N, C-alpha and C. Protein backbone atom coordinates (compact mmCIF):
# COMPACT_ATOMS: atom_id res chain seq x y z
N MET A 1 8.24 125.00 53.48
CA MET A 1 7.81 125.35 54.59
C MET A 1 8.37 126.38 55.54
N ALA A 2 7.38 126.40 56.23
CA ALA A 2 7.54 127.63 57.31
C ALA A 2 8.27 127.34 58.66
N ALA A 3 8.35 125.93 58.72
CA ALA A 3 9.13 125.98 60.03
C ALA A 3 9.01 126.74 61.14
N SER A 4 10.12 126.81 62.38
CA SER A 4 9.64 127.17 63.15
C SER A 4 9.13 129.03 63.54
N VAL A 5 9.01 130.07 61.72
CA VAL A 5 8.72 131.13 61.63
C VAL A 5 7.13 131.41 62.35
N LEU A 6 6.50 130.08 62.15
CA LEU A 6 4.96 130.09 61.41
C LEU A 6 4.61 130.25 63.46
N LYS A 7 5.58 130.23 64.65
CA LYS A 7 5.28 130.70 65.77
C LYS A 7 4.98 131.87 66.00
N THR A 8 5.20 132.79 65.32
CA THR A 8 4.93 134.17 65.59
C THR A 8 3.10 134.52 65.49
N ALA A 9 2.96 133.74 64.29
CA ALA A 9 1.45 133.78 63.57
C ALA A 9 0.47 132.71 64.79
N VAL A 10 1.76 132.22 65.34
CA VAL A 10 0.64 131.20 66.17
C VAL A 10 0.02 131.76 67.47
N LEU A 11 1.27 132.50 67.71
CA LEU A 11 1.11 133.35 69.03
C LEU A 11 -0.19 134.44 69.09
N LEU A 12 -0.08 135.46 67.79
CA LEU A 12 -1.16 136.34 67.42
C LEU A 12 -2.12 135.91 67.58
N ALA A 13 -2.36 134.60 67.02
CA ALA A 13 -3.55 133.93 66.47
C ALA A 13 -4.38 133.26 68.45
N VAL A 14 -3.32 133.08 68.99
CA VAL A 14 -4.51 133.06 70.61
C VAL A 14 -4.42 133.89 70.96
N LEU A 15 -3.74 135.19 70.91
CA LEU A 15 -4.08 136.32 71.07
C LEU A 15 -5.33 136.87 70.77
N ARG A 16 -5.54 136.74 69.47
CA ARG A 16 -6.50 137.09 68.47
C ARG A 16 -8.09 135.93 69.21
N ARG A 17 -7.81 135.13 69.62
CA ARG A 17 -8.80 134.39 70.11
C ARG A 17 -9.37 134.50 71.57
N ALA A 18 -8.37 134.99 72.42
CA ALA A 18 -8.58 135.27 73.88
C ALA A 18 -9.39 136.36 73.45
N ARG A 19 -9.46 137.42 72.91
CA ARG A 19 -9.53 138.43 72.81
C ARG A 19 -11.30 137.97 72.20
N GLN A 20 -11.48 137.40 71.44
CA GLN A 20 -12.67 137.25 70.92
C GLN A 20 -13.56 136.43 72.43
N GLU A 21 -12.77 135.93 73.05
CA GLU A 21 -13.74 134.64 74.06
C GLU A 21 -13.75 135.79 75.22
N ARG A 22 -12.92 137.29 75.32
CA ARG A 22 -13.30 137.99 76.04
C ARG A 22 -12.38 137.86 77.70
N ARG A 23 -11.30 136.85 77.44
CA ARG A 23 -10.52 137.16 78.24
C ARG A 23 -8.63 137.29 77.95
N ALA A 24 -8.61 137.54 78.93
CA ALA A 24 -6.91 137.15 78.96
C ALA A 24 -5.66 135.69 78.90
N LEU A 25 -5.13 136.09 78.52
CA LEU A 25 -4.09 134.60 78.21
C LEU A 25 -3.98 134.33 79.85
N THR A 26 -4.00 132.59 80.11
CA THR A 26 -4.03 132.30 81.09
C THR A 26 -2.78 132.10 81.77
N ALA A 27 -2.17 132.01 82.66
CA ALA A 27 -0.62 131.90 83.17
C ALA A 27 0.10 130.77 82.00
N PRO A 28 -0.57 129.59 82.05
CA PRO A 28 -0.10 128.09 81.45
C PRO A 28 0.17 129.10 79.93
N GLU A 29 -0.88 129.93 79.04
CA GLU A 29 -0.63 130.24 78.12
C GLU A 29 0.58 130.80 77.98
N ARG A 30 0.54 131.95 78.92
CA ARG A 30 1.74 133.07 78.64
C ARG A 30 3.22 132.20 78.95
N ALA A 31 3.09 131.33 79.95
CA ALA A 31 4.31 130.55 79.64
C ALA A 31 4.88 129.57 78.53
N ALA A 32 3.33 129.26 77.96
CA ALA A 32 4.04 128.11 76.71
C ALA A 32 4.61 129.22 75.55
N ALA A 33 3.63 130.77 75.43
CA ALA A 33 3.97 131.66 74.45
C ALA A 33 5.44 131.73 74.63
N ALA A 34 6.05 132.45 76.10
CA ALA A 34 7.20 132.63 76.24
C ALA A 34 8.52 131.15 75.75
N ALA A 35 8.15 130.01 75.82
CA ALA A 35 9.18 129.06 75.85
C ALA A 35 9.23 128.92 74.32
N MET A 36 7.53 128.94 73.79
CA MET A 36 7.76 129.01 72.31
C MET A 36 8.41 130.20 70.95
N ILE A 37 8.38 131.36 71.66
CA ILE A 37 9.22 132.15 71.22
C ILE A 37 10.49 132.25 71.51
N GLU A 38 10.90 132.57 72.39
CA GLU A 38 11.96 132.50 73.23
C GLU A 38 13.29 130.97 72.89
N ARG A 39 12.63 130.34 73.31
CA ARG A 39 13.67 128.93 72.82
C ARG A 39 12.82 128.12 71.89
N SER A 40 12.10 128.59 71.31
CA SER A 40 11.53 127.97 69.85
C SER A 40 10.62 126.31 70.41
N ASP A 41 10.42 126.59 71.44
CA ASP A 41 9.54 125.01 71.72
C ASP A 41 8.94 124.51 71.09
N ASN A 42 8.75 123.58 70.76
CA ASN A 42 7.63 122.66 69.84
C ASN A 42 6.79 122.18 70.55
N GLU A 43 6.68 121.69 71.69
CA GLU A 43 5.29 121.07 72.82
C GLU A 43 4.89 122.23 73.05
N ALA A 44 5.36 123.72 73.16
CA ALA A 44 4.76 125.15 73.49
C ALA A 44 4.04 125.24 72.47
N ALA A 45 4.48 125.06 71.20
CA ALA A 45 3.60 125.71 69.59
C ALA A 45 2.59 124.73 69.64
N ASN A 46 2.77 123.03 70.06
CA ASN A 46 1.82 122.25 69.56
C ASN A 46 0.67 122.77 70.60
N THR A 47 0.56 122.97 71.91
CA THR A 47 -0.19 123.69 73.05
C THR A 47 -0.86 124.89 72.41
N LEU A 48 -0.38 125.96 71.78
CA LEU A 48 -0.58 126.97 71.54
C LEU A 48 -1.82 126.87 70.42
N TRP A 49 -1.10 126.09 69.29
CA TRP A 49 -1.61 126.05 67.87
C TRP A 49 -3.44 125.44 68.21
N ARG A 50 -3.37 124.31 69.39
CA ARG A 50 -4.82 124.13 69.48
C ARG A 50 -5.24 125.14 70.37
N ALA A 51 -4.61 126.23 71.05
CA ALA A 51 -5.75 127.06 71.92
C ALA A 51 -5.83 128.11 70.80
N ALA A 52 -5.24 128.34 69.78
CA ALA A 52 -5.50 129.23 68.40
C ALA A 52 -6.61 128.70 67.78
N GLY A 53 -7.17 127.37 67.81
CA GLY A 53 -7.99 127.19 67.21
C GLY A 53 -7.50 125.93 65.86
N GLY A 54 -6.37 126.10 66.14
CA GLY A 54 -5.64 124.92 64.61
C GLY A 54 -5.77 125.93 63.20
N ALA A 55 -5.86 124.93 62.06
CA ALA A 55 -5.72 125.74 60.93
C ALA A 55 -6.66 126.77 60.92
N ALA A 56 -8.05 126.34 61.40
CA ALA A 56 -8.91 127.31 61.21
C ALA A 56 -8.97 128.45 61.64
N GLY A 57 -8.20 128.65 62.86
CA GLY A 57 -7.98 129.77 63.96
C GLY A 57 -6.71 130.80 63.17
N LEU A 58 -5.51 129.86 62.61
CA LEU A 58 -4.64 130.56 62.43
C LEU A 58 -5.13 131.25 61.10
N ALA A 59 -5.89 130.61 60.02
CA ALA A 59 -6.25 131.53 58.83
C ALA A 59 -6.99 132.50 58.87
N GLU A 60 -7.69 132.22 60.06
CA GLU A 60 -8.20 134.08 60.37
C GLU A 60 -7.69 134.75 60.71
N LEU A 61 -6.83 134.45 61.43
CA LEU A 61 -5.73 135.52 61.76
C LEU A 61 -4.95 135.77 60.71
N LEU A 62 -4.52 135.05 59.94
CA LEU A 62 -3.60 135.60 58.92
C LEU A 62 -4.25 136.25 57.79
N ASP A 63 -5.70 135.79 57.58
CA ASP A 63 -5.93 137.19 56.66
C ASP A 63 -6.99 138.28 57.51
N ARG A 64 -6.83 138.36 58.36
CA ARG A 64 -6.61 139.37 59.14
C ARG A 64 -5.78 140.39 59.85
N VAL A 65 -4.70 140.00 59.10
CA VAL A 65 -2.80 140.98 58.98
C VAL A 65 -2.76 140.96 57.46
N GLY A 66 -3.40 140.15 56.64
CA GLY A 66 -3.32 140.61 54.72
C GLY A 66 -2.28 139.22 54.59
N ALA A 67 -1.82 138.18 55.61
CA ALA A 67 -0.97 137.26 54.75
C ALA A 67 -1.73 136.39 54.54
N ARG A 68 -1.79 136.49 53.15
CA ARG A 68 -3.69 135.71 52.53
C ARG A 68 -2.91 134.52 52.01
N HIS A 69 -0.94 134.77 51.45
CA HIS A 69 -0.23 133.56 50.73
C HIS A 69 0.25 132.48 51.54
N THR A 70 -0.01 132.60 52.98
CA THR A 70 0.37 131.54 53.79
C THR A 70 -0.72 130.47 54.19
N GLU A 71 -0.48 129.31 54.14
CA GLU A 71 -0.99 128.15 53.89
C GLU A 71 -0.93 127.37 55.34
N PRO A 72 -1.77 127.29 56.24
CA PRO A 72 -1.33 126.59 57.55
C PRO A 72 -1.59 124.97 57.09
N GLU A 73 -0.37 124.33 57.98
CA GLU A 73 -1.16 122.62 57.64
C GLU A 73 -2.25 122.00 58.25
N PRO A 74 -3.23 121.62 57.91
CA PRO A 74 -4.52 121.43 58.44
C PRO A 74 -4.33 120.15 59.29
N SER A 75 -3.23 119.24 59.19
CA SER A 75 -3.37 117.73 60.41
C SER A 75 -2.65 118.19 61.70
N GLY A 76 -2.32 119.69 61.46
CA GLY A 76 -1.73 119.90 63.02
C GLY A 76 -0.27 120.05 62.83
N ARG A 77 0.59 119.58 61.70
CA ARG A 77 1.83 119.64 61.85
C ARG A 77 2.46 121.01 61.11
N TRP A 78 2.23 121.76 61.89
CA TRP A 78 2.38 123.19 62.01
C TRP A 78 3.38 123.90 61.12
N GLY A 79 4.81 123.26 61.32
CA GLY A 79 5.79 123.42 60.90
C GLY A 79 6.04 123.23 59.73
N LEU A 80 5.02 122.32 58.96
CA LEU A 80 5.11 122.11 57.37
C LEU A 80 4.07 123.26 56.66
N SER A 81 3.36 124.36 57.13
CA SER A 81 2.66 125.12 56.62
C SER A 81 3.73 126.10 55.70
N ARG A 82 2.92 126.39 54.53
CA ARG A 82 3.46 127.24 53.77
C ARG A 82 3.25 128.77 53.58
N THR A 83 4.69 129.68 53.24
CA THR A 83 4.47 131.13 53.95
C THR A 83 5.10 131.85 53.07
N THR A 84 5.17 132.76 53.12
CA THR A 84 5.99 133.82 51.93
C THR A 84 6.68 135.30 52.87
N ALA A 85 7.61 135.35 51.96
CA ALA A 85 8.23 136.56 53.02
C ALA A 85 7.38 137.39 52.95
N ASN A 86 6.51 138.00 52.17
CA ASN A 86 6.02 139.14 51.69
C ASN A 86 4.40 138.59 53.29
N ASP A 87 4.00 137.54 53.36
CA ASP A 87 3.15 137.20 54.50
C ASP A 87 3.76 137.36 55.81
N GLN A 88 5.49 137.06 56.25
CA GLN A 88 6.09 137.03 57.22
C GLN A 88 6.37 138.81 57.56
N LEU A 89 6.60 139.55 56.53
CA LEU A 89 6.31 141.17 57.10
C LEU A 89 4.97 141.35 57.52
N ALA A 90 3.76 140.87 56.76
CA ALA A 90 2.62 141.49 57.43
C ALA A 90 2.85 140.90 58.85
N LEU A 91 2.93 140.08 59.29
CA LEU A 91 3.06 139.71 60.46
C LEU A 91 3.91 140.61 61.65
N LEU A 92 5.36 141.03 60.93
CA LEU A 92 6.03 141.52 61.76
C LEU A 92 5.19 143.33 62.10
N ARG A 93 4.56 143.61 60.79
CA ARG A 93 3.85 144.76 60.78
C ARG A 93 3.25 144.95 61.71
N ALA A 94 2.38 144.12 62.30
CA ALA A 94 1.28 143.84 63.13
C ALA A 94 1.94 143.95 64.56
N VAL A 95 2.90 143.57 64.47
CA VAL A 95 3.64 143.57 66.09
C VAL A 95 4.52 144.65 66.46
N PHE A 96 5.16 145.48 65.23
CA PHE A 96 5.74 146.45 65.01
C PHE A 96 5.37 147.87 65.02
N THR A 97 4.16 148.09 63.88
CA THR A 97 3.59 149.01 63.79
C THR A 97 2.70 149.63 64.68
N ALA A 98 3.11 150.94 65.20
CA ALA A 98 2.32 151.81 66.19
C ALA A 98 0.98 151.71 65.48
N GLY A 99 0.12 151.59 66.38
CA GLY A 99 -1.77 151.66 66.16
C GLY A 99 -2.23 150.24 65.25
N ASP A 100 -1.39 149.65 64.57
CA ASP A 100 -2.18 148.32 63.94
C ASP A 100 -3.26 147.55 64.76
N PRO A 101 -4.22 147.55 64.21
CA PRO A 101 -5.50 147.02 64.88
C PRO A 101 -5.45 145.29 65.51
N VAL A 102 -4.39 145.06 64.71
CA VAL A 102 -4.93 143.51 65.27
C VAL A 102 -4.61 143.19 66.40
N LEU A 103 -3.40 143.53 67.39
CA LEU A 103 -3.03 143.78 68.35
C LEU A 103 -3.09 144.78 69.24
N ARG A 104 -3.60 144.85 71.03
CA ARG A 104 -3.67 146.06 71.85
C ARG A 104 -2.40 145.94 72.02
N PRO A 105 -2.22 147.40 72.35
CA PRO A 105 -0.43 148.34 72.62
C PRO A 105 -0.40 147.39 73.51
N GLY A 106 -0.53 146.56 74.70
CA GLY A 106 0.51 146.31 75.38
C GLY A 106 -0.01 144.39 75.21
N GLU A 107 -0.41 143.92 74.76
CA GLU A 107 -0.13 142.73 73.66
C GLU A 107 0.86 143.32 72.48
N ARG A 108 1.15 143.95 72.00
CA ARG A 108 2.21 143.89 71.05
C ARG A 108 3.44 144.51 71.44
N ALA A 109 3.52 144.91 72.85
CA ALA A 109 4.46 145.16 73.28
C ALA A 109 5.32 143.75 74.32
N TRP A 110 4.06 142.93 74.54
CA TRP A 110 4.63 141.41 75.06
C TRP A 110 5.40 140.76 73.91
N VAL A 111 4.62 140.89 72.75
CA VAL A 111 5.40 139.77 71.82
C VAL A 111 6.61 140.45 71.70
N ARG A 112 7.14 142.04 71.22
CA ARG A 112 8.07 142.60 71.49
C ARG A 112 9.24 141.75 72.40
N ARG A 113 8.43 142.03 73.28
CA ARG A 113 9.31 141.55 74.49
C ARG A 113 9.97 140.28 74.11
N LEU A 114 9.05 139.77 73.82
CA LEU A 114 9.70 137.99 73.56
C LEU A 114 10.90 137.82 72.54
N MET A 115 10.07 138.45 71.42
CA MET A 115 11.18 138.50 70.31
C MET A 115 12.61 138.94 70.56
N CYS A 116 12.71 140.10 71.52
CA CYS A 116 13.81 140.51 71.80
C CYS A 116 14.71 139.26 72.92
N ARG A 117 14.30 138.44 73.76
CA ARG A 117 14.45 137.98 74.71
C ARG A 117 15.13 136.60 74.08
N VAL A 118 15.27 136.33 72.78
CA VAL A 118 14.97 135.19 72.04
C VAL A 118 16.66 134.82 72.82
N VAL A 119 16.57 133.43 73.10
CA VAL A 119 18.03 132.36 73.76
C VAL A 119 19.35 132.96 72.71
N PRO A 120 20.62 132.81 73.45
CA PRO A 120 21.76 133.44 72.66
C PRO A 120 22.07 132.59 71.52
N GLU A 121 21.59 131.00 71.56
CA GLU A 121 22.06 130.25 70.63
C GLU A 121 21.21 130.61 69.42
N GLN A 122 20.02 131.59 70.01
CA GLN A 122 19.41 131.46 68.16
C GLN A 122 19.24 132.48 68.02
N ARG A 123 20.13 133.54 68.40
CA ARG A 123 20.03 135.08 67.82
C ARG A 123 20.77 135.13 66.43
N TRP A 124 20.68 134.51 65.71
CA TRP A 124 21.39 134.55 64.43
C TRP A 124 20.70 134.81 63.14
N GLY A 125 20.49 135.37 62.21
CA GLY A 125 19.81 135.83 60.97
C GLY A 125 19.54 136.90 60.76
N VAL A 126 18.92 137.55 60.97
CA VAL A 126 18.25 139.14 60.72
C VAL A 126 18.80 140.21 62.07
N PRO A 127 19.24 139.93 62.65
CA PRO A 127 19.89 140.49 63.82
C PRO A 127 21.84 140.65 63.64
N ALA A 128 21.86 139.79 62.54
CA ALA A 128 23.53 140.44 61.49
C ALA A 128 23.33 141.33 60.93
N ALA A 129 21.93 141.65 60.67
CA ALA A 129 21.99 142.69 59.48
C ALA A 129 22.49 144.49 60.53
N GLY A 130 22.20 143.91 61.85
CA GLY A 130 21.52 145.60 62.62
C GLY A 130 23.01 146.16 62.80
N ASP A 131 23.18 147.09 63.43
CA ASP A 131 24.66 148.04 63.70
C ASP A 131 24.92 147.90 65.03
N GLY A 132 24.37 147.22 66.06
CA GLY A 132 24.40 146.95 67.51
C GLY A 132 23.79 148.10 67.98
N THR A 133 23.23 149.13 66.98
CA THR A 133 21.93 149.98 68.37
C THR A 133 20.41 149.28 68.50
N GLY A 134 19.82 149.61 69.70
CA GLY A 134 18.30 149.10 69.19
C GLY A 134 18.95 147.84 69.79
N ARG A 135 17.65 147.23 70.15
CA ARG A 135 17.54 145.75 70.28
C ARG A 135 16.71 144.88 69.42
N PRO A 136 17.72 144.16 68.87
CA PRO A 136 17.17 143.23 67.55
C PRO A 136 15.88 142.15 68.10
N ALA A 137 14.90 142.05 67.43
CA ALA A 137 13.90 140.80 67.36
C ALA A 137 13.71 140.16 66.63
N VAL A 138 13.84 138.76 67.09
CA VAL A 138 13.89 137.94 65.79
C VAL A 138 13.23 136.44 66.24
N LYS A 139 12.88 135.79 65.09
CA LYS A 139 12.15 134.26 65.34
C LYS A 139 12.39 133.99 64.21
N ASN A 140 13.20 132.61 63.96
CA ASN A 140 14.07 131.95 63.12
C ASN A 140 13.55 130.39 63.34
N GLY A 141 13.61 129.53 62.19
CA GLY A 141 13.08 128.69 61.73
C GLY A 141 13.72 128.08 60.76
N TRP A 142 13.84 126.57 61.24
CA TRP A 142 15.28 125.60 60.83
C TRP A 142 13.93 124.03 60.50
N LEU A 143 14.43 123.31 59.36
CA LEU A 143 14.10 121.77 59.27
C LEU A 143 14.48 121.64 58.25
N PRO A 144 14.79 120.18 58.64
CA PRO A 144 15.62 119.36 57.27
C PRO A 144 14.18 118.47 56.53
N ARG A 145 14.24 118.80 55.46
CA ARG A 145 12.98 118.24 55.02
C ARG A 145 12.91 116.57 54.42
N THR A 146 12.40 115.66 54.99
CA THR A 146 12.10 114.37 55.12
C THR A 146 12.49 113.44 53.43
N ASP A 147 12.03 114.53 52.95
CA ASP A 147 12.35 113.71 51.56
C ASP A 147 13.46 113.97 50.57
N THR A 148 14.21 114.87 50.98
CA THR A 148 14.96 115.06 50.25
C THR A 148 16.63 115.49 51.34
N GLY A 149 16.55 115.68 52.89
CA GLY A 149 17.21 115.83 53.68
C GLY A 149 18.23 117.42 53.16
N LEU A 150 17.44 118.04 52.51
CA LEU A 150 17.74 119.66 52.50
C LEU A 150 17.18 120.48 54.03
N TRP A 151 17.96 121.46 54.44
CA TRP A 151 17.20 122.00 54.91
C TRP A 151 16.21 123.78 54.83
N VAL A 152 15.32 124.03 55.55
CA VAL A 152 15.43 125.18 55.36
C VAL A 152 15.30 125.86 56.33
N VAL A 153 16.26 127.28 56.28
CA VAL A 153 16.51 128.02 57.58
C VAL A 153 15.94 129.39 56.66
N HIS A 154 15.12 129.69 57.96
CA HIS A 154 14.44 130.91 57.91
C HIS A 154 15.32 132.31 58.90
N SER A 155 14.47 133.08 58.88
CA SER A 155 14.76 134.33 59.86
C SER A 155 13.96 135.84 59.25
N VAL A 156 12.95 135.86 60.78
CA VAL A 156 12.12 137.27 60.39
C VAL A 156 12.64 138.05 61.51
N GLY A 157 12.62 139.64 61.93
CA GLY A 157 12.70 140.40 62.50
C GLY A 157 12.82 141.71 62.49
N ARG A 158 13.39 142.80 63.71
CA ARG A 158 13.60 143.76 63.45
C ARG A 158 14.85 144.32 63.89
N VAL A 159 15.90 145.16 62.82
CA VAL A 159 16.94 145.58 63.37
C VAL A 159 16.98 147.18 62.99
N THR A 160 17.60 147.55 64.16
CA THR A 160 17.94 148.91 63.79
C THR A 160 19.57 149.43 62.89
N VAL A 161 19.23 150.32 62.09
CA VAL A 161 20.61 150.57 61.17
C VAL A 161 20.81 152.35 61.03
N ALA A 162 21.73 152.96 61.61
CA ALA A 162 21.29 154.31 61.06
C ALA A 162 20.33 154.77 61.72
N GLY A 163 19.92 154.53 62.93
CA GLY A 163 18.76 154.95 63.13
C GLY A 163 17.53 154.64 62.59
N HIS A 164 17.49 153.98 61.55
CA HIS A 164 16.33 153.45 60.91
C HIS A 164 16.03 151.83 61.32
N VAL A 165 14.85 151.77 61.39
CA VAL A 165 14.06 150.48 62.01
C VAL A 165 13.48 149.51 60.98
N HIS A 166 14.18 148.80 60.70
CA HIS A 166 14.06 147.90 59.15
C HIS A 166 13.25 146.35 59.98
N LEU A 167 12.16 145.92 59.24
CA LEU A 167 11.55 144.61 59.36
C LEU A 167 12.08 143.68 58.20
N LEU A 168 12.36 142.49 58.46
CA LEU A 168 13.39 142.10 57.69
C LEU A 168 12.28 140.67 57.74
N ALA A 169 12.27 139.79 56.62
CA ALA A 169 11.84 138.56 56.34
C ALA A 169 12.68 137.89 55.54
N VAL A 170 13.67 137.23 55.96
CA VAL A 170 14.18 136.07 54.67
C VAL A 170 14.12 134.66 55.23
N LEU A 171 13.87 134.07 53.94
CA LEU A 171 13.46 132.55 53.82
C LEU A 171 14.04 132.01 52.85
N SER A 172 14.76 130.51 53.03
CA SER A 172 15.79 130.10 52.58
C SER A 172 15.55 128.71 52.48
N ALA A 173 15.94 127.85 51.57
CA ALA A 173 15.94 126.25 51.31
C ALA A 173 16.79 125.90 50.80
N GLY A 174 16.82 124.42 50.69
CA GLY A 174 18.21 123.59 49.52
C GLY A 174 19.68 123.74 49.82
N HIS A 175 19.70 123.81 51.48
CA HIS A 175 20.61 123.71 52.24
C HIS A 175 21.37 122.36 52.59
N ARG A 176 22.53 122.43 52.80
CA ARG A 176 22.83 120.65 52.81
C ARG A 176 23.20 120.40 54.44
N ASP A 177 23.41 121.66 54.94
CA ASP A 177 23.50 121.87 56.32
C ASP A 177 22.58 122.76 56.68
N PHE A 178 22.62 122.97 58.28
CA PHE A 178 21.99 124.04 59.39
C PHE A 178 22.58 125.42 58.94
N ARG A 179 24.42 124.84 59.13
CA ARG A 179 25.23 126.01 59.29
C ARG A 179 25.50 127.02 57.84
N PRO A 180 25.75 126.32 56.88
CA PRO A 180 25.17 127.30 55.29
C PRO A 180 24.35 127.83 55.21
N GLY A 181 22.84 127.46 56.13
CA GLY A 181 21.41 128.32 55.74
C GLY A 181 21.96 129.30 56.17
N ILE A 182 22.27 129.35 57.96
CA ILE A 182 22.53 130.10 58.53
C ILE A 182 23.10 131.45 57.34
N THR A 183 24.32 130.94 57.43
CA THR A 183 25.46 132.03 56.51
C THR A 183 24.51 132.78 55.46
N THR A 184 23.93 132.34 54.56
CA THR A 184 23.04 132.40 53.12
C THR A 184 21.88 133.58 53.64
N VAL A 185 20.79 133.13 55.06
CA VAL A 185 20.22 134.26 55.84
C VAL A 185 21.21 135.17 56.09
N GLU A 186 21.95 135.35 56.87
CA GLU A 186 22.70 136.51 57.19
C GLU A 186 23.21 137.26 56.23
N ARG A 187 23.90 136.49 54.93
CA ARG A 187 24.21 137.01 54.01
C ARG A 187 22.54 138.19 53.23
N GLY A 188 21.36 137.40 53.02
CA GLY A 188 20.73 138.19 52.71
C GLY A 188 20.07 139.33 53.58
N ALA A 189 19.63 138.84 54.61
CA ALA A 189 19.65 140.24 55.48
C ALA A 189 20.63 141.26 55.48
N ARG A 190 21.70 141.06 55.25
CA ARG A 190 22.73 142.46 55.29
C ARG A 190 22.35 142.81 53.61
N ALA A 191 22.02 142.04 52.85
CA ALA A 191 22.00 142.72 52.10
C ALA A 191 20.91 143.61 51.51
N ALA A 192 19.46 143.17 52.33
CA ALA A 192 18.38 143.81 52.31
C ALA A 192 18.15 144.63 52.85
N VAL A 193 19.16 145.27 53.74
CA VAL A 193 19.18 146.54 54.75
C VAL A 193 20.51 147.40 54.04
N ARG A 194 21.11 146.70 53.28
CA ARG A 194 22.28 147.64 52.08
C ARG A 194 21.03 148.23 51.02
N ALA A 195 19.89 147.72 50.59
CA ALA A 195 19.33 147.81 49.55
C ALA A 195 18.14 148.79 49.84
N LEU A 196 17.91 148.53 51.14
CA LEU A 196 16.81 149.75 52.03
C LEU A 196 17.74 151.17 52.08
N ALA A 197 19.13 150.98 52.01
CA ALA A 197 19.29 152.29 52.86
C ALA A 197 19.92 153.20 51.86
N SER A 198 20.32 152.32 49.96
CA SER A 198 20.65 153.39 48.76
C SER A 198 19.62 153.92 48.66
């Protein structure tokens, strides 16, 4: 399950739909986007899922960025969508790679700002792998599975280490509780940075 890391894709899909409609996001859409990314607000995500065109709109965006192994949940329960770390990296590249055609420069800068302004209690995961320089950007997701009671805990984002910028996507499942999942994700993020630096 993708849980709330899917919200980045939802925002990109809304921006793409607005561009197709030759319009800017409305003030309520911008406010919902800020709530969805900065606070991981689920009602805001529901609103923007609909504005993006639901599963079909999201699938169009995913195909556009090359995230072809993510399966939007067709009923609208977006948190139950399936995704992969590689697909999450494709979405991050759309946000953080200059010149990527999916977003206009102003849109890209705005999404980056939202991911840098995540509330303090949600700044775990990928930011733990940074060295304190630069400004980390993150979107996390967490959800207990109803069938097992075990948690999925995910973290995607950007960090800077020794002057190098890294995009990281760490997805995990099978945790008995939320906190051990955070520990696992942060350990994975640090290991990824060490591997990239070697």
